[in-house]
PDB file of all heavy atoms in Angstrom:
ATOM      1  N   ARG A   1      -7.795  -4.448  -9.445  1.00  0.00           N
ATOM      2  CA  ARG A   1      -6.571  -4.277  -8.686  1.00  0.00           C
ATOM      3  C   ARG A   1      -6.921  -4.174  -7.205  1.00  0.00           C
ATOM      4  O   ARG A   1      -7.733  -3.345  -6.801  1.00  0.00           O
ATOM      5  CB  ARG A   1      -5.825  -3.030  -9.158  1.00  0.00           C
ATOM      6  CG  ARG A   1      -4.461  -2.848  -8.510  1.00  0.00           C
ATOM      7  CD  ARG A   1      -3.663  -1.743  -9.189  1.00  0.00           C
ATOM      8  NE  ARG A   1      -3.394  -2.042 -10.587  1.00  0.00           N
ATOM      9  CZ  ARG A   1      -2.579  -1.338 -11.362  1.00  0.00           C
ATOM     10  NH1 ARG A   1      -1.947  -0.290 -10.865  1.00  0.00           N
ATOM     11  NH2 ARG A   1      -2.417  -1.679 -12.627  1.00  0.00           N
ATOM     12  N   ALA A   2      -6.306  -5.024  -6.401  1.00  0.00           N
ATOM     13  CA  ALA A   2      -6.669  -5.142  -5.000  1.00  0.00           C
ATOM     14  C   ALA A   2      -5.514  -4.752  -4.086  1.00  0.00           C
ATOM     15  O   ALA A   2      -4.354  -5.049  -4.366  1.00  0.00           O
ATOM     16  CB  ALA A   2      -7.114  -6.571  -4.686  1.00  0.00           C
ATOM     17  N   PHE A   3      -5.872  -4.133  -2.996  1.00  0.00           N
ATOM     18  CA  PHE A   3      -4.897  -3.736  -1.991  1.00  0.00           C
ATOM     19  C   PHE A   3      -4.277  -4.956  -1.332  1.00  0.00           C
ATOM     20  O   PHE A   3      -4.970  -5.918  -0.999  1.00  0.00           O
ATOM     21  CB  PHE A   3      -5.587  -2.865  -0.942  1.00  0.00           C
ATOM     22  CG  PHE A   3      -4.737  -2.552   0.251  1.00  0.00           C
ATOM     23  CD1 PHE A   3      -3.785  -1.551   0.199  1.00  0.00           C
ATOM     24  CD2 PHE A   3      -4.895  -3.258   1.430  1.00  0.00           C
ATOM     25  CE1 PHE A   3      -3.001  -1.255   1.300  1.00  0.00           C
ATOM     26  CE2 PHE A   3      -4.122  -2.974   2.537  1.00  0.00           C
ATOM     27  CZ  PHE A   3      -3.170  -1.968   2.466  1.00  0.00           C
ATOM     28  N   VAL A   4      -2.974  -4.899  -1.131  1.00  0.00           N
ATOM     29  CA  VAL A   4      -2.258  -5.975  -0.460  1.00  0.00           C
ATOM     30  C   VAL A   4      -1.662  -5.484   0.856  1.00  0.00           C
ATOM     31  O   VAL A   4      -1.913  -6.052   1.916  1.00  0.00           O
ATOM     32  CB  VAL A   4      -1.145  -6.549  -1.349  1.00  0.00           C
ATOM     33  CG1 VAL A   4      -0.337  -7.595  -0.583  1.00  0.00           C
ATOM     34  CG2 VAL A   4      -1.737  -7.155  -2.613  1.00  0.00           C
ATOM     35  N   ALA A   5      -0.871  -4.438   0.779  1.00  0.00           N
ATOM     36  CA  ALA A   5      -0.199  -3.924   1.966  1.00  0.00           C
ATOM     37  C   ALA A   5       0.264  -2.504   1.704  1.00  0.00           C
ATOM     38  O   ALA A   5       0.457  -2.099   0.562  1.00  0.00           O
ATOM     39  CB  ALA A   5       0.995  -4.803   2.352  1.00  0.00           C
ATOM     40  N   ALA A   6       0.452  -1.753   2.768  1.00  0.00           N
ATOM     41  CA  ALA A   6       0.958  -0.393   2.656  1.00  0.00           C
ATOM     42  C   ALA A   6       1.812  -0.064   3.861  1.00  0.00           C
ATOM     43  O   ALA A   6       1.632  -0.635   4.951  1.00  0.00           O
ATOM     44  CB  ALA A   6      -0.188   0.614   2.536  1.00  0.00           C
ATOM     45  N   ILE A   7       2.736   0.824   3.656  1.00  0.00           N
ATOM     46  CA  ILE A   7       3.538   1.351   4.744  1.00  0.00           C
ATOM     47  C   ILE A   7       3.599   2.852   4.569  1.00  0.00           C
ATOM     48  O   ILE A   7       3.900   3.358   3.495  1.00  0.00           O
ATOM     49  CB  ILE A   7       4.941   0.707   4.789  1.00  0.00           C
ATOM     50  CG1 ILE A   7       5.716   1.211   6.005  1.00  0.00           C
ATOM     51  CG2 ILE A   7       5.709   0.941   3.499  1.00  0.00           C
ATOM     52  CD1 ILE A   7       6.967   0.389   6.310  1.00  0.00           C
ATOM     53  N   TRP A   8       3.267   3.568   5.633  1.00  0.00           N
ATOM     54  CA  TRP A   8       3.181   5.009   5.572  1.00  0.00           C
ATOM     55  C   TRP A   8       4.516   5.640   5.955  1.00  0.00           C
ATOM     56  O   TRP A   8       5.440   4.967   6.405  1.00  0.00           O
ATOM     57  CB  TRP A   8       2.047   5.496   6.470  1.00  0.00           C
ATOM     58  CG  TRP A   8       0.818   4.673   6.256  1.00  0.00           C
ATOM     59  CD1 TRP A   8       0.248   3.798   7.121  1.00  0.00           C
ATOM     60  CD2 TRP A   8       0.022   4.618   5.056  1.00  0.00           C
ATOM     61  NE1 TRP A   8      -0.844   3.196   6.558  1.00  0.00           N
ATOM     62  CE2 TRP A   8      -1.009   3.671   5.288  1.00  0.00           C
ATOM     63  CE3 TRP A   8       0.099   5.267   3.816  1.00  0.00           C
ATOM     64  CZ2 TRP A   8      -1.960   3.372   4.317  1.00  0.00           C
ATOM     65  CZ3 TRP A   8      -0.856   4.959   2.848  1.00  0.00           C
ATOM     66  CH2 TRP A   8      -1.873   4.023   3.115  1.00  0.00           C
ATOM     67  N   SER A   9       4.598   6.932   5.737  1.00  0.00           N
ATOM     68  CA  SER A   9       5.852   7.629   6.012  1.00  0.00           C
ATOM     69  C   SER A   9       6.268   7.503   7.472  1.00  0.00           C
ATOM     70  O   SER A   9       7.459   7.553   7.786  1.00  0.00           O
ATOM     71  CB  SER A   9       5.739   9.105   5.619  1.00  0.00           C
ATOM     72  OG  SER A   9       4.694   9.745   6.338  1.00  0.00           O
ATOM     73  N   SER A  10       5.292   7.321   8.339  1.00  0.00           N
ATOM     74  CA  SER A  10       5.570   7.147   9.756  1.00  0.00           C
ATOM     75  C   SER A  10       6.117   5.766  10.087  1.00  0.00           C
ATOM     76  O   SER A  10       6.630   5.550  11.180  1.00  0.00           O
ATOM     77  CB  SER A  10       4.305   7.392  10.575  1.00  0.00           C
ATOM     78  OG  SER A  10       3.322   6.423  10.273  1.00  0.00           O
ATOM     79  N   GLY A  11       5.983   4.833   9.140  1.00  0.00           N
ATOM     80  CA  GLY A  11       6.386   3.464   9.374  1.00  0.00           C
ATOM     81  C   GLY A  11       5.245   2.544   9.746  1.00  0.00           C
ATOM     82  O   GLY A  11       5.441   1.331   9.843  1.00  0.00           O
ATOM     83  N   ILE A  12       4.071   3.092   9.971  1.00  0.00           N
ATOM     84  CA  ILE A  12       2.901   2.279  10.274  1.00  0.00           C
ATOM     85  C   ILE A  12       2.532   1.440   9.062  1.00  0.00           C
ATOM     86  O   ILE A  12       2.565   1.921   7.932  1.00  0.00           O
ATOM     87  CB  ILE A  12       1.719   3.164  10.700  1.00  0.00           C
ATOM     88  CG1 ILE A  12       2.051   3.901  11.996  1.00  0.00           C
ATOM     89  CG2 ILE A  12       0.451   2.338  10.876  1.00  0.00           C
ATOM     90  CD1 ILE A  12       0.999   4.894  12.425  1.00  0.00           C
ATOM     91  N   THR A  13       2.173   0.195   9.296  1.00  0.00           N
ATOM     92  CA  THR A  13       1.844  -0.721   8.212  1.00  0.00           C
ATOM     93  C   THR A  13       0.381  -1.121   8.242  1.00  0.00           C
ATOM     94  O   THR A  13      -0.292  -1.032   9.268  1.00  0.00           O
ATOM     95  CB  THR A  13       2.708  -1.986   8.275  1.00  0.00           C
ATOM     96  OG1 THR A  13       2.516  -2.634   9.542  1.00  0.00           O
ATOM     97  CG2 THR A  13       4.178  -1.633   8.115  1.00  0.00           C
ATOM     98  N   ASP A  14      -0.105  -1.584   7.098  1.00  0.00           N
ATOM     99  CA  ASP A  14      -1.481  -2.015   6.948  1.00  0.00           C
ATOM    100  C   ASP A  14      -1.495  -3.183   5.978  1.00  0.00           C
ATOM    101  O   ASP A  14      -0.758  -3.174   4.988  1.00  0.00           O
ATOM    102  CB  ASP A  14      -2.338  -0.865   6.432  1.00  0.00           C
ATOM    103  CG  ASP A  14      -3.826  -1.186   6.442  1.00  0.00           C
ATOM    104  OD1 ASP A  14      -4.247  -2.050   7.235  1.00  0.00           O
ATOM    105  OD2 ASP A  14      -4.567  -0.548   5.668  1.00  0.00           O
ATOM    106  N   TYR A  15      -2.335  -4.191   6.251  1.00  0.00           N
ATOM    107  CA  TYR A  15      -2.384  -5.384   5.425  1.00  0.00           C
ATOM    108  C   TYR A  15      -3.814  -5.787   5.125  1.00  0.00           C
ATOM    109  O   TYR A  15      -4.706  -5.652   5.963  1.00  0.00           O
ATOM    110  CB  TYR A  15      -1.700  -6.567   6.112  1.00  0.00           C
ATOM    111  CG  TYR A  15      -0.237  -6.372   6.385  1.00  0.00           C
ATOM    112  CD1 TYR A  15       0.202  -5.866   7.603  1.00  0.00           C
ATOM    113  CD2 TYR A  15       0.708  -6.699   5.424  1.00  0.00           C
ATOM    114  CE1 TYR A  15       1.549  -5.691   7.854  1.00  0.00           C
ATOM    115  CE2 TYR A  15       2.054  -6.526   5.667  1.00  0.00           C
ATOM    116  CZ  TYR A  15       2.474  -6.026   6.877  1.00  0.00           C
ATOM    117  OH  TYR A  15       3.817  -5.853   7.126  1.00  0.00           O
ATOM    118  N   ALA A  16      -4.007  -6.303   3.929  1.00  0.00           N
ATOM    119  CA  ALA A  16      -5.275  -6.928   3.617  1.00  0.00           C
ATOM    120  C   ALA A  16      -5.431  -8.194   4.449  1.00  0.00           C
ATOM    121  O   ALA A  16      -4.451  -8.869   4.770  1.00  0.00           O
ATOM    122  CB  ALA A  16      -5.349  -7.269   2.130  1.00  0.00           C
ATOM    123  N   ASP A  17      -6.668  -8.517   4.803  1.00  0.00           N
ATOM    124  CA  ASP A  17      -6.914  -9.691   5.633  1.00  0.00           C
ATOM    125  C   ASP A  17      -6.381 -10.971   4.993  1.00  0.00           C
ATOM    126  O   ASP A  17      -5.933 -11.881   5.694  1.00  0.00           O
ATOM    127  CB  ASP A  17      -8.406  -9.843   5.903  1.00  0.00           C
ATOM    128  CG  ASP A  17      -8.945  -8.774   6.838  1.00  0.00           C
ATOM    129  OD1 ASP A  17      -8.142  -8.138   7.546  1.00  0.00           O
ATOM    130  OD2 ASP A  17     -10.172  -8.582   6.862  1.00  0.00           O
ATOM    131  N   SER A  18      -6.410 -11.034   3.678  1.00  0.00           N
ATOM    132  CA  SER A  18      -6.002 -12.242   2.980  1.00  0.00           C
ATOM    133  C   SER A  18      -4.507 -12.531   3.083  1.00  0.00           C
ATOM    134  O   SER A  18      -4.079 -13.659   2.842  1.00  0.00           O
ATOM    135  CB  SER A  18      -6.409 -12.159   1.504  1.00  0.00           C
ATOM    136  OG  SER A  18      -5.806 -11.049   0.875  1.00  0.00           O
ATOM    137  N   VAL A  19      -3.717 -11.525   3.432  1.00  0.00           N
ATOM    138  CA  VAL A  19      -2.272 -11.717   3.501  1.00  0.00           C
ATOM    139  C   VAL A  19      -1.709 -11.486   4.890  1.00  0.00           C
ATOM    140  O   VAL A  19      -0.517 -11.755   5.117  1.00  0.00           O
ATOM    141  CB  VAL A  19      -1.539 -10.812   2.494  1.00  0.00           C
ATOM    142  CG1 VAL A  19      -2.090 -11.018   1.092  1.00  0.00           C
ATOM    143  CG2 VAL A  19      -1.631  -9.351   2.901  1.00  0.00           C
ATOM    144  N   LYS A  20      -2.522 -11.014   5.798  1.00  0.00           N
ATOM    145  CA  LYS A  20      -2.051 -10.722   7.145  1.00  0.00           C
ATOM    146  C   LYS A  20      -1.486 -11.983   7.794  1.00  0.00           C
ATOM    147  O   LYS A  20      -2.098 -13.047   7.765  1.00  0.00           O
ATOM    148  CB  LYS A  20      -3.187 -10.147   7.989  1.00  0.00           C
ATOM    149  CG  LYS A  20      -2.758  -9.619   9.351  1.00  0.00           C
ATOM    150  CD  LYS A  20      -3.918  -8.928  10.060  1.00  0.00           C
ATOM    151  CE  LYS A  20      -4.397  -7.712   9.293  1.00  0.00           C
ATOM    152  NZ  LYS A  20      -5.470  -6.981  10.013  1.00  0.00           N
ATOM    153  N   GLY A  21      -0.312 -11.849   8.359  1.00  0.00           N
ATOM    154  CA  GLY A  21       0.352 -12.977   8.974  1.00  0.00           C
ATOM    155  C   GLY A  21       1.262 -13.731   8.035  1.00  0.00           C
ATOM    156  O   GLY A  21       2.080 -14.540   8.494  1.00  0.00           O
ATOM    157  N   ARG A  22       1.130 -13.478   6.737  1.00  0.00           N
ATOM    158  CA  ARG A  22       1.971 -14.145   5.747  1.00  0.00           C
ATOM    159  C   ARG A  22       2.920 -13.183   5.042  1.00  0.00           C
ATOM    160  O   ARG A  22       4.034 -13.561   4.697  1.00  0.00           O
ATOM    161  CB  ARG A  22       1.111 -14.848   4.699  1.00  0.00           C
ATOM    162  CG  ARG A  22       0.214 -15.940   5.258  1.00  0.00           C
ATOM    163  CD  ARG A  22      -0.444 -16.731   4.127  1.00  0.00           C
ATOM    164  NE  ARG A  22      -1.303 -15.893   3.305  1.00  0.00           N
ATOM    165  CZ  ARG A  22      -1.171 -15.727   1.987  1.00  0.00           C
ATOM    166  NH1 ARG A  22      -0.192 -16.352   1.335  1.00  0.00           N
ATOM    167  NH2 ARG A  22      -2.016 -14.955   1.313  1.00  0.00           N
ATOM    168  N   PHE A  23       2.453 -11.963   4.812  1.00  0.00           N
ATOM    169  CA  PHE A  23       3.240 -10.964   4.094  1.00  0.00           C
ATOM    170  C   PHE A  23       3.736  -9.901   5.057  1.00  0.00           C
ATOM    171  O   PHE A  23       3.063  -9.561   6.041  1.00  0.00           O
ATOM    172  CB  PHE A  23       2.404 -10.278   3.012  1.00  0.00           C
ATOM    173  CG  PHE A  23       2.027 -11.160   1.848  1.00  0.00           C
ATOM    174  CD1 PHE A  23       2.250 -12.527   1.866  1.00  0.00           C
ATOM    175  CD2 PHE A  23       1.444 -10.588   0.727  1.00  0.00           C
ATOM    176  CE1 PHE A  23       1.898 -13.324   0.790  1.00  0.00           C
ATOM    177  CE2 PHE A  23       1.090 -11.380  -0.353  1.00  0.00           C
ATOM    178  CZ  PHE A  23       1.314 -12.742  -0.325  1.00  0.00           C
ATOM    179  N   THR A  24       4.891  -9.351   4.757  1.00  0.00           N
ATOM    180  CA  THR A  24       5.455  -8.272   5.545  1.00  0.00           C
ATOM    181  C   THR A  24       5.983  -7.183   4.620  1.00  0.00           C
ATOM    182  O   THR A  24       6.788  -7.467   3.732  1.00  0.00           O
ATOM    183  CB  THR A  24       6.590  -8.763   6.450  1.00  0.00           C
ATOM    184  OG1 THR A  24       6.109  -9.790   7.319  1.00  0.00           O
ATOM    185  CG2 THR A  24       7.124  -7.613   7.299  1.00  0.00           C
ATOM    186  N   ILE A  25       5.527  -5.964   4.827  1.00  0.00           N
ATOM    187  CA  ILE A  25       6.003  -4.834   4.050  1.00  0.00           C
ATOM    188  C   ILE A  25       7.002  -4.043   4.883  1.00  0.00           C
ATOM    189  O   ILE A  25       6.844  -3.914   6.096  1.00  0.00           O
ATOM    190  CB  ILE A  25       4.837  -3.935   3.592  1.00  0.00           C
ATOM    191  CG1 ILE A  25       5.326  -2.872   2.604  1.00  0.00           C
ATOM    192  CG2 ILE A  25       4.125  -3.307   4.773  1.00  0.00           C
ATOM    193  CD1 ILE A  25       4.200  -2.087   1.941  1.00  0.00           C
ATOM    194  N   SER A  26       8.020  -3.535   4.225  1.00  0.00           N
ATOM    195  CA  SER A  26       9.023  -2.738   4.906  1.00  0.00           C
ATOM    196  C   SER A  26       9.562  -1.689   3.946  1.00  0.00           C
ATOM    197  O   SER A  26       9.382  -1.793   2.732  1.00  0.00           O
ATOM    198  CB  SER A  26      10.158  -3.617   5.438  1.00  0.00           C
ATOM    199  OG  SER A  26      10.810  -4.302   4.385  1.00  0.00           O
ATOM    200  N   ARG A  27      10.198  -0.672   4.494  1.00  0.00           N
ATOM    201  CA  ARG A  27      10.800   0.354   3.662  1.00  0.00           C
ATOM    202  C   ARG A  27      12.160   0.735   4.204  1.00  0.00           C
ATOM    203  O   ARG A  27      12.408   0.681   5.416  1.00  0.00           O
ATOM    204  CB  ARG A  27       9.891   1.585   3.546  1.00  0.00           C
ATOM    205  CG  ARG A  27       9.703   2.364   4.837  1.00  0.00           C
ATOM    206  CD  ARG A  27       8.598   3.416   4.675  1.00  0.00           C
ATOM    207  NE  ARG A  27       8.938   4.431   3.687  1.00  0.00           N
ATOM    208  CZ  ARG A  27       8.054   5.251   3.119  1.00  0.00           C
ATOM    209  NH1 ARG A  27       6.768   5.149   3.422  1.00  0.00           N
ATOM    210  NH2 ARG A  27       8.464   6.153   2.238  1.00  0.00           N
ATOM    211  N   ASP A  28      13.026   1.118   3.303  1.00  0.00           N
ATOM    212  CA  ASP A  28      14.357   1.577   3.641  1.00  0.00           C
ATOM    213  C   ASP A  28      14.500   2.965   3.039  1.00  0.00           C
ATOM    214  O   ASP A  28      14.751   3.109   1.844  1.00  0.00           O
ATOM    215  CB  ASP A  28      15.415   0.625   3.098  1.00  0.00           C
ATOM    216  CG  ASP A  28      16.816   0.975   3.553  1.00  0.00           C
ATOM    217  OD1 ASP A  28      17.058   2.130   3.954  1.00  0.00           O
ATOM    218  OD2 ASP A  28      17.686   0.087   3.512  1.00  0.00           O
ATOM    219  N   ASN A  29      14.323   3.979   3.860  1.00  0.00           N
ATOM    220  CA  ASN A  29      14.358   5.344   3.355  1.00  0.00           C
ATOM    221  C   ASN A  29      15.738   5.745   2.840  1.00  0.00           C
ATOM    222  O   ASN A  29      15.852   6.592   1.956  1.00  0.00           O
ATOM    223  CB  ASN A  29      13.908   6.317   4.443  1.00  0.00           C
ATOM    224  CG  ASN A  29      12.431   6.209   4.738  1.00  0.00           C
ATOM    225  OD1 ASN A  29      11.646   5.756   3.901  1.00  0.00           O
ATOM    226  ND2 ASN A  29      12.032   6.626   5.929  1.00  0.00           N
ATOM    227  N   ALA A  30      16.774   5.158   3.401  1.00  0.00           N
ATOM    228  CA  ALA A  30      18.119   5.470   2.946  1.00  0.00           C
ATOM    229  C   ALA A  30      18.357   4.977   1.531  1.00  0.00           C
ATOM    230  O   ALA A  30      19.143   5.573   0.787  1.00  0.00           O
ATOM    231  CB  ALA A  30      19.155   4.879   3.897  1.00  0.00           C
TER     232      ALA A  30
END
């Protein structure tokens, strides 16, 4: 199982190099 992307409670995002620029993670707290 490999990391793809994450979004922290602060809203900061992180992406694996293999998907950076292609994938976008977002969250809707509401």
